[in-house]
Protein backbone atom coordinates (compact mmCIF):
# COMPACT_ATOMS: atom_id res chain seq x y z
CA MET A 1 4.26 -41.59 50.48
CA MET A 2 0.98 -40.26 51.93
CA THR A 3 2.77 -39.13 55.00
CA THR A 4 5.17 -37.25 52.63
CA ILE A 5 2.21 -35.95 50.42
CA TYR A 6 0.50 -34.82 53.92
CA ASN A 7 3.98 -33.95 55.83
CA SER A 8 4.28 -31.47 52.78
CA LEU A 9 0.91 -29.46 53.26
CA MET A 10 1.46 -29.69 56.92
CA GLY A 11 5.63 -27.88 56.29
CA ASN A 12 3.03 -24.67 54.32
CA ASP A 13 1.71 -21.73 56.43
CA ALA A 14 -1.07 -20.86 54.64
CA ILE A 15 -2.75 -24.89 54.38
CA LYS A 16 -1.84 -24.95 58.19
CA THR A 17 -3.49 -22.46 59.33
CA ALA A 18 -6.49 -22.54 56.80
CA VAL A 19 -7.80 -26.84 57.36
CA TYR A 20 -7.08 -25.43 61.51
CA ASP A 21 -10.21 -26.55 63.80
CA SER A 22 -9.79 -24.34 66.98
CA SER A 23 -12.86 -26.00 68.73
CA LYS A 24 -11.01 -29.78 68.31
CA LYS A 25 -7.61 -28.50 67.90
CA VAL A 26 -6.75 -30.43 65.00
CA HIS A 27 -5.80 -30.53 61.28
CA ASN A 28 -8.33 -31.47 58.79
CA ILE A 29 -6.35 -33.40 56.82
CA LYS A 30 -7.89 -36.79 56.15
CA PHE A 31 -6.56 -39.42 54.72
CA PHE A 32 -9.33 -41.50 51.29
CA ASP A 33 -12.77 -40.51 52.81
CA THR A 34 -15.24 -37.37 53.42
CA PRO A 35 -15.34 -38.14 56.98
CA ASP A 36 -18.55 -38.57 59.06
CA GLY A 37 -20.94 -36.17 60.48
CA THR A 38 -20.85 -32.63 60.56
CA LEU A 39 -17.77 -32.30 57.98
CA PRO A 40 -15.13 -29.57 58.41
CA ASP A 41 -16.01 -26.00 56.75
CA THR A 42 -12.41 -26.15 55.09
CA PHE A 43 -10.65 -29.92 54.85
CA ILE A 44 -8.29 -31.58 51.77
CA LEU A 45 -8.62 -34.96 51.33
CA ILE A 46 -5.73 -36.95 50.10
CA ARG A 47 -7.11 -39.87 47.73
CA PRO A 48 -4.76 -42.16 46.14
CA MET A 49 -6.03 -42.90 42.33
CA ARG A 50 -4.15 -46.71 42.27
CA PRO A 51 -1.29 -48.31 44.59
CA PRO A 52 2.42 -47.29 43.87
CA GLN A 53 3.19 -49.45 40.61
CA SER A 54 6.20 -49.84 38.46
CA ALA A 55 7.48 -46.99 36.19
CA ILE A 56 10.67 -48.40 35.24
CA GLU A 57 11.48 -51.75 34.15
CA GLY A 58 15.26 -53.30 33.61
CA SER A 59 16.44 -57.05 34.03
CA ASP A 60 13.11 -58.41 34.99
CA GLU A 61 13.01 -55.69 38.02
CA SER A 62 11.21 -51.92 38.73
CA LEU A 63 13.53 -49.01 38.74
CA ALA A 64 11.24 -47.30 39.74
CA THR A 65 7.60 -46.28 41.08
CA ASP A 66 5.22 -44.04 40.17
CA PHE A 67 2.11 -42.55 41.88
CA LEU A 68 -1.04 -40.69 41.32
CA TYR A 69 -3.25 -39.14 43.42
CA GLN A 70 -6.11 -36.64 43.72
CA LEU A 71 -5.99 -33.99 46.33
CA ASP A 72 -10.11 -32.74 47.40
CA VAL A 73 -9.91 -29.36 48.94
CA GLN A 74 -13.86 -28.56 50.45
CA SER A 75 -15.09 -25.38 51.99
CA THR A 76 -18.22 -23.33 52.63
CA VAL A 77 -16.35 -20.19 50.96
CA ARG A 78 -15.48 -20.92 46.80
CA MET A 79 -11.90 -19.29 46.75
CA THR A 80 -11.05 -21.03 49.56
CA CYS A 81 -10.68 -24.09 47.68
CA LYS A 82 -8.91 -22.14 45.02
CA THR A 83 -6.44 -20.57 47.33
CA LEU A 84 -5.16 -24.08 48.55
CA GLN A 85 -4.69 -25.34 45.71
CA SER A 86 -2.78 -23.37 44.89
CA GLU A 87 -0.62 -23.97 47.97
CA ILE A 88 -1.02 -27.24 46.90
CA SER A 89 0.20 -27.94 44.02
CA LYS A 90 3.49 -25.09 45.06
CA SER A 91 4.31 -28.04 48.45
CA LEU A 92 3.35 -30.79 46.17
CA LYS A 93 5.87 -29.93 43.62
CA SER A 94 8.95 -29.08 45.64
CA LEU A 95 8.12 -33.73 46.43
CA GLY A 96 8.52 -33.67 41.76
CA PHE A 97 4.66 -33.90 40.94
CA ILE A 98 2.92 -32.12 38.52
CA ARG A 99 -0.93 -31.41 37.39
CA TYR A 100 -2.14 -34.99 35.66
CA GLY A 101 -5.19 -33.17 34.71
CA THR A 102 -8.26 -35.47 34.22
CA ASP A 103 -10.98 -36.69 35.56
CA GLU A 104 -10.95 -33.07 38.08
CA LEU A 105 -13.98 -31.84 39.75
CA ASP A 106 -14.87 -28.15 40.64
CA ASP A 107 -18.01 -27.86 41.56
CA TYR A 108 -20.63 -27.28 44.65
CA PHE A 109 -22.11 -30.16 46.27
CA SER A 110 -25.87 -28.55 47.34
CA ASP A 111 -26.56 -31.62 50.22
CA THR A 112 -23.06 -30.49 52.10
CA LYS A 113 -23.42 -27.22 51.19
CA HIS A 114 -18.97 -26.86 50.26
CA TYR A 115 -17.35 -25.74 47.37
CA VAL A 116 -14.95 -28.69 45.53
CA ASP A 117 -11.97 -28.69 43.68
CA ALA A 118 -10.02 -32.04 43.30
CA ARG A 119 -6.94 -32.50 41.36
CA ARG A 120 -5.28 -35.44 40.28
CA TYR A 121 -0.85 -34.67 40.96
CA TYR A 122 1.72 -37.51 39.45
CA ALA A 123 4.48 -38.09 39.77
CA ALA A 124 7.83 -41.17 39.58
CA SER A 125 10.25 -41.88 42.61
CA LYS A 126 13.64 -41.25 41.65
CA LEU A 127 15.36 -44.81 40.24
CA TYR A 128 16.32 -47.82 42.92
CA ASP A 129 13.33 -46.43 44.97
CA THR A 130 10.95 -48.62 44.60
CA ASP A 131 10.32 -49.74 48.56
CA TYR A 132 6.17 -47.94 49.32
């Protein structure tokens, strides 16, 4: 599912452009943890909040799987965080994700000089789609 989310974000031109580092020729969408060393001006972290788990069960079998991810946008420009979270929400909605509005974060990290907007998103797979 993480690759599916990544591909969805890369399919959004506003996101793809905002996270592109032309000096390194990479898109700064990372998995799990903040990159080491000097931080890019703008980047996105995709973090699973738990392993995929059974959403619906029947006859001792899992019939559907659910997912909970946190997507952090960090940027030196506050409004970039807001704009990208709006675009992320649109991209994830097309995958069936909705906001899971608990334990989210809207802050400024003075040690890294980055604003952060972290939001959680939840989705359940279709019935019988359980191979995650």
